[in-house]
Each structure stands twice: as structure tokens, then as C-alpha cells.
Amino acid sequence: MNEEIHSRLGRIEGLLQGIDKKLDGVEARQEKQDTRLRAVEQKSFLNSAVTASVVSVGVAIIKGKIGA
């Protein structure tokens, strides 16, 4: 009985170690995705700021020509 419990505990320990390794891999992939997403967000912010500025200048020019 004691050896059976010891054997089962060994298998459980092995399974937990395997799960731990897989979790480390998932965390690494998530960190890479977070890094890429931050870069995309920064580019998106810059692009939207530039676009908003260009549109504002365009509207100001059009208003000036129309006289509104």
C-alpha cells in the first residue's frame, strides 16, 4: 500500500512538473505578444495623431477659403 501511494505521488509530481514547463512556455509567448501589441499601439497612436493634425489643417484651410 505504501509503495502504491509513493508511486502515485511520483506520477503526480511528474505531471505537475510537465504542467509547470508548459506554463512557462505559455507565459513566454504571452510576453512576446504583449511586446508586439505595445508596438502596434504606439504606431497606431502616432498615426492617429498625424492624421488628426492633417485633417485639422485641411479643415482650417477650407474654412479660410470659404470664409466661414
Protein backbone atom coordinates (compact mmCIF):
# COMPACT_ATOMS: atom_id res chain seq x y z
CA MET A 1 0.00 0.00 0.00
CA ASN A 2 2.76 2.42 0.94
CA GLU A 3 4.65 1.79 -2.33
CA GLU A 4 1.48 2.31 -4.36
CA ILE A 5 0.93 5.70 -2.73
CA HIS A 6 4.59 6.58 -3.28
CA SER A 7 4.32 5.59 -6.94
CA ARG A 8 1.17 7.62 -7.48
CA LEU A 9 2.69 10.64 -5.77
CA GLY A 10 5.72 10.32 -8.07
CA ARG A 11 3.46 10.32 -11.13
CA ILE A 12 1.56 13.33 -9.81
CA GLU A 13 4.84 15.15 -9.21
CA GLY A 14 5.94 14.38 -12.78
CA LEU A 15 2.65 15.66 -14.17
CA LEU A 16 2.95 18.86 -12.15
CA GLN A 17 6.48 19.43 -13.43
CA GLY A 18 5.24 18.97 -17.01
CA ILE A 19 2.42 21.43 -16.44
CA ASP A 20 4.90 23.91 -14.95
CA LYS A 21 7.13 23.70 -18.04
CA LYS A 22 4.17 24.20 -20.38
CA LEU A 23 3.02 27.18 -18.33
CA ASP A 24 6.49 28.74 -18.66
CA GLY A 25 6.20 28.37 -22.45
CA VAL A 26 2.76 29.96 -22.48
CA GLU A 27 3.99 32.86 -20.36
CA ALA A 28 6.91 33.44 -22.74
CA ARG A 29 4.59 33.51 -25.76
CA GLN A 30 2.23 35.87 -23.97
CA GLU A 31 5.11 38.22 -23.20
CA LYS A 32 6.11 38.26 -26.89
CA GLN A 33 2.53 39.04 -27.90
CA ASP A 34 2.31 41.81 -25.31
CA THR A 35 5.52 43.34 -26.66
CA ARG A 36 4.21 43.23 -30.24
CA LEU A 37 0.86 44.66 -29.18
CA ARG A 38 2.57 47.56 -27.39
CA ALA A 39 4.48 48.37 -30.59
CA VAL A 40 1.27 48.28 -32.64
CA GLU A 41 -0.50 50.52 -30.13
CA GLN A 42 2.33 53.05 -30.25
CA LYS A 43 2.32 53.12 -34.05
CA SER A 44 -1.45 53.44 -34.08
CA PHE A 45 -1.33 56.36 -31.66
CA LEU A 46 1.28 58.15 -33.76
CA ASN A 47 -0.64 57.53 -36.99
CA SER A 48 -3.89 58.80 -35.50
CA ALA A 49 -2.19 61.92 -34.14
CA VAL A 50 -0.65 62.71 -37.52
CA THR A 51 -3.93 62.04 -39.34
CA ALA A 52 -5.90 64.24 -36.94
CA SER A 53 -3.39 67.05 -37.43
CA VAL A 54 -3.57 66.81 -41.22
CA VAL A 55 -7.38 66.81 -41.17
CA SER A 56 -7.45 69.81 -38.81
CA VAL A 57 -5.14 71.78 -41.05
CA GLY A 58 -7.20 70.80 -44.09
CA VAL A 59 -10.44 71.90 -42.45
CA ALA A 60 -8.84 75.20 -41.39
CA ILE A 61 -7.67 75.85 -44.97
CA ILE A 62 -11.08 75.04 -46.39
CA LYS A 63 -12.78 77.30 -43.84
CA GLY A 64 -10.36 80.09 -44.71
CA LYS A 65 -11.09 79.81 -48.42
CA ILE A 66 -14.84 79.64 -47.90
CA GLY A 67 -14.77 82.48 -45.43
CA ALA A 68 -16.67 80.70 -42.66
